[in-house]
Amino acid sequence: MKYTFSRHALEQLGRRGIPREMVERTIGAPGQVVPEFGGTVALQSQVEINGKLFLLRVIVAFSGESGTVVTVYRISKINKYWKVT
């Protein structure tokens, strides 16, 4: 899949201390794909950062066969967003 990072997403990577490589791994092999508002999807995986477990959410807007990473964030409230099937 081809994808680009929005300016906002790149700023959030630095501001939130999230390694770009971790985001790229989540895009390549997400733990879950969850539909979000406005036609975007959350590609999400449980990741360890500095010895603590977080849910990494990568919000992507798709257009054809490519996508734009709109924003990226990590949260500790995994159960709030992790969908149990």
Protein backbone atom coordinates (compact mmCIF):
# COMPACT_ATOMS: atom_id res chain seq x y z
CA MET A 1 0.00 0.00 0.00
CA LYS A 2 1.26 3.47 -0.84
CA TYR A 3 0.80 6.12 1.83
CA THR A 4 1.93 9.60 2.77
CA PHE A 5 2.03 11.45 6.07
CA SER A 6 0.14 14.71 6.47
CA ARG A 7 2.01 17.60 8.00
CA HIS A 8 -0.11 17.26 11.13
CA ALA A 9 0.74 13.55 11.46
CA LEU A 10 4.48 14.26 11.19
CA GLU A 11 4.19 16.96 13.86
CA GLN A 12 2.32 14.56 16.16
CA LEU A 13 5.02 11.89 15.78
CA GLY A 14 7.58 14.29 17.22
CA ARG A 15 5.31 15.86 19.80
CA ARG A 16 4.10 12.52 21.13
CA GLY A 17 7.43 10.71 20.93
CA ILE A 18 6.20 7.98 18.60
CA PRO A 19 8.86 6.42 16.34
CA ARG A 20 7.95 6.57 12.64
CA GLU A 21 9.12 2.96 12.23
CA MET A 22 6.51 1.84 14.76
CA VAL A 23 3.80 3.63 12.79
CA GLU A 24 5.01 2.04 9.56
CA ARG A 25 4.87 -1.44 11.15
CA THR A 26 1.31 -0.77 12.29
CA ILE A 27 0.33 0.36 8.79
CA GLY A 28 1.92 -2.75 7.28
CA ALA A 29 0.40 -5.21 9.75
CA PRO A 30 -2.26 -3.65 12.00
CA GLY A 31 -3.67 -5.62 14.89
CA GLN A 32 -7.09 -4.25 13.99
CA VAL A 33 -8.72 -2.03 11.39
CA VAL A 34 -11.58 0.02 12.82
CA PRO A 35 -13.87 2.30 10.75
CA GLU A 36 -13.86 5.89 12.00
CA PHE A 37 -15.61 9.15 11.18
CA GLY A 38 -15.62 10.73 7.73
CA GLY A 39 -14.55 7.61 5.89
CA THR A 40 -11.24 7.27 7.74
CA VAL A 41 -10.02 4.11 9.41
CA ALA A 42 -7.93 3.50 12.51
CA LEU A 43 -5.12 1.03 11.97
CA GLN A 44 -4.25 0.04 15.50
CA SER A 45 -1.84 -2.24 17.32
CA GLN A 46 -0.79 -2.82 20.90
CA VAL A 47 2.81 -1.66 21.29
CA GLU A 48 5.34 -1.31 24.06
CA ILE A 49 6.98 2.09 24.53
CA ASN A 50 9.50 2.57 27.34
CA GLY A 51 8.33 -0.64 29.03
CA LYS A 52 4.64 0.31 29.05
CA LEU A 53 1.85 -1.13 26.88
CA PHE A 54 -0.09 1.34 24.71
CA LEU A 55 -2.57 1.22 21.88
CA LEU A 56 -1.10 2.94 18.84
CA ARG A 57 -3.81 4.37 16.59
CA VAL A 58 -2.92 5.48 13.08
CA ILE A 59 -5.82 7.34 11.46
CA VAL A 60 -5.73 6.99 7.67
CA ALA A 61 -7.85 8.45 4.89
CA PHE A 62 -7.80 6.23 1.79
CA SER A 63 -8.12 7.35 -1.79
CA GLY A 64 -8.01 4.52 -4.30
CA GLU A 65 -4.93 2.40 -3.64
CA SER A 66 -3.13 5.00 -1.52
CA GLY A 67 -3.68 6.50 1.89
CA THR A 68 -2.82 9.60 3.87
CA VAL A 69 -1.92 9.29 7.53
CA VAL A 70 -4.06 12.02 9.08
CA THR A 71 -2.90 11.71 12.69
CA VAL A 72 -1.17 9.33 15.06
CA TYR A 73 -1.54 8.88 18.80
CA ARG A 74 -0.98 6.39 21.59
CA ILE A 75 -3.28 5.76 24.51
CA SER A 76 -3.04 3.67 27.65
CA LYS A 77 -6.80 2.96 27.79
CA ILE A 78 -6.52 0.00 25.44
CA ASN A 79 -9.89 -1.52 26.38
CA LYS A 80 -11.69 1.65 25.31
CA TYR A 81 -10.69 1.25 21.64
CA TRP A 82 -9.62 -2.39 21.21
CA LYS A 83 -12.52 -4.25 19.66
CA VAL A 84 -13.05 -7.76 21.03
CA THR A 85 -14.51 -10.07 18.41
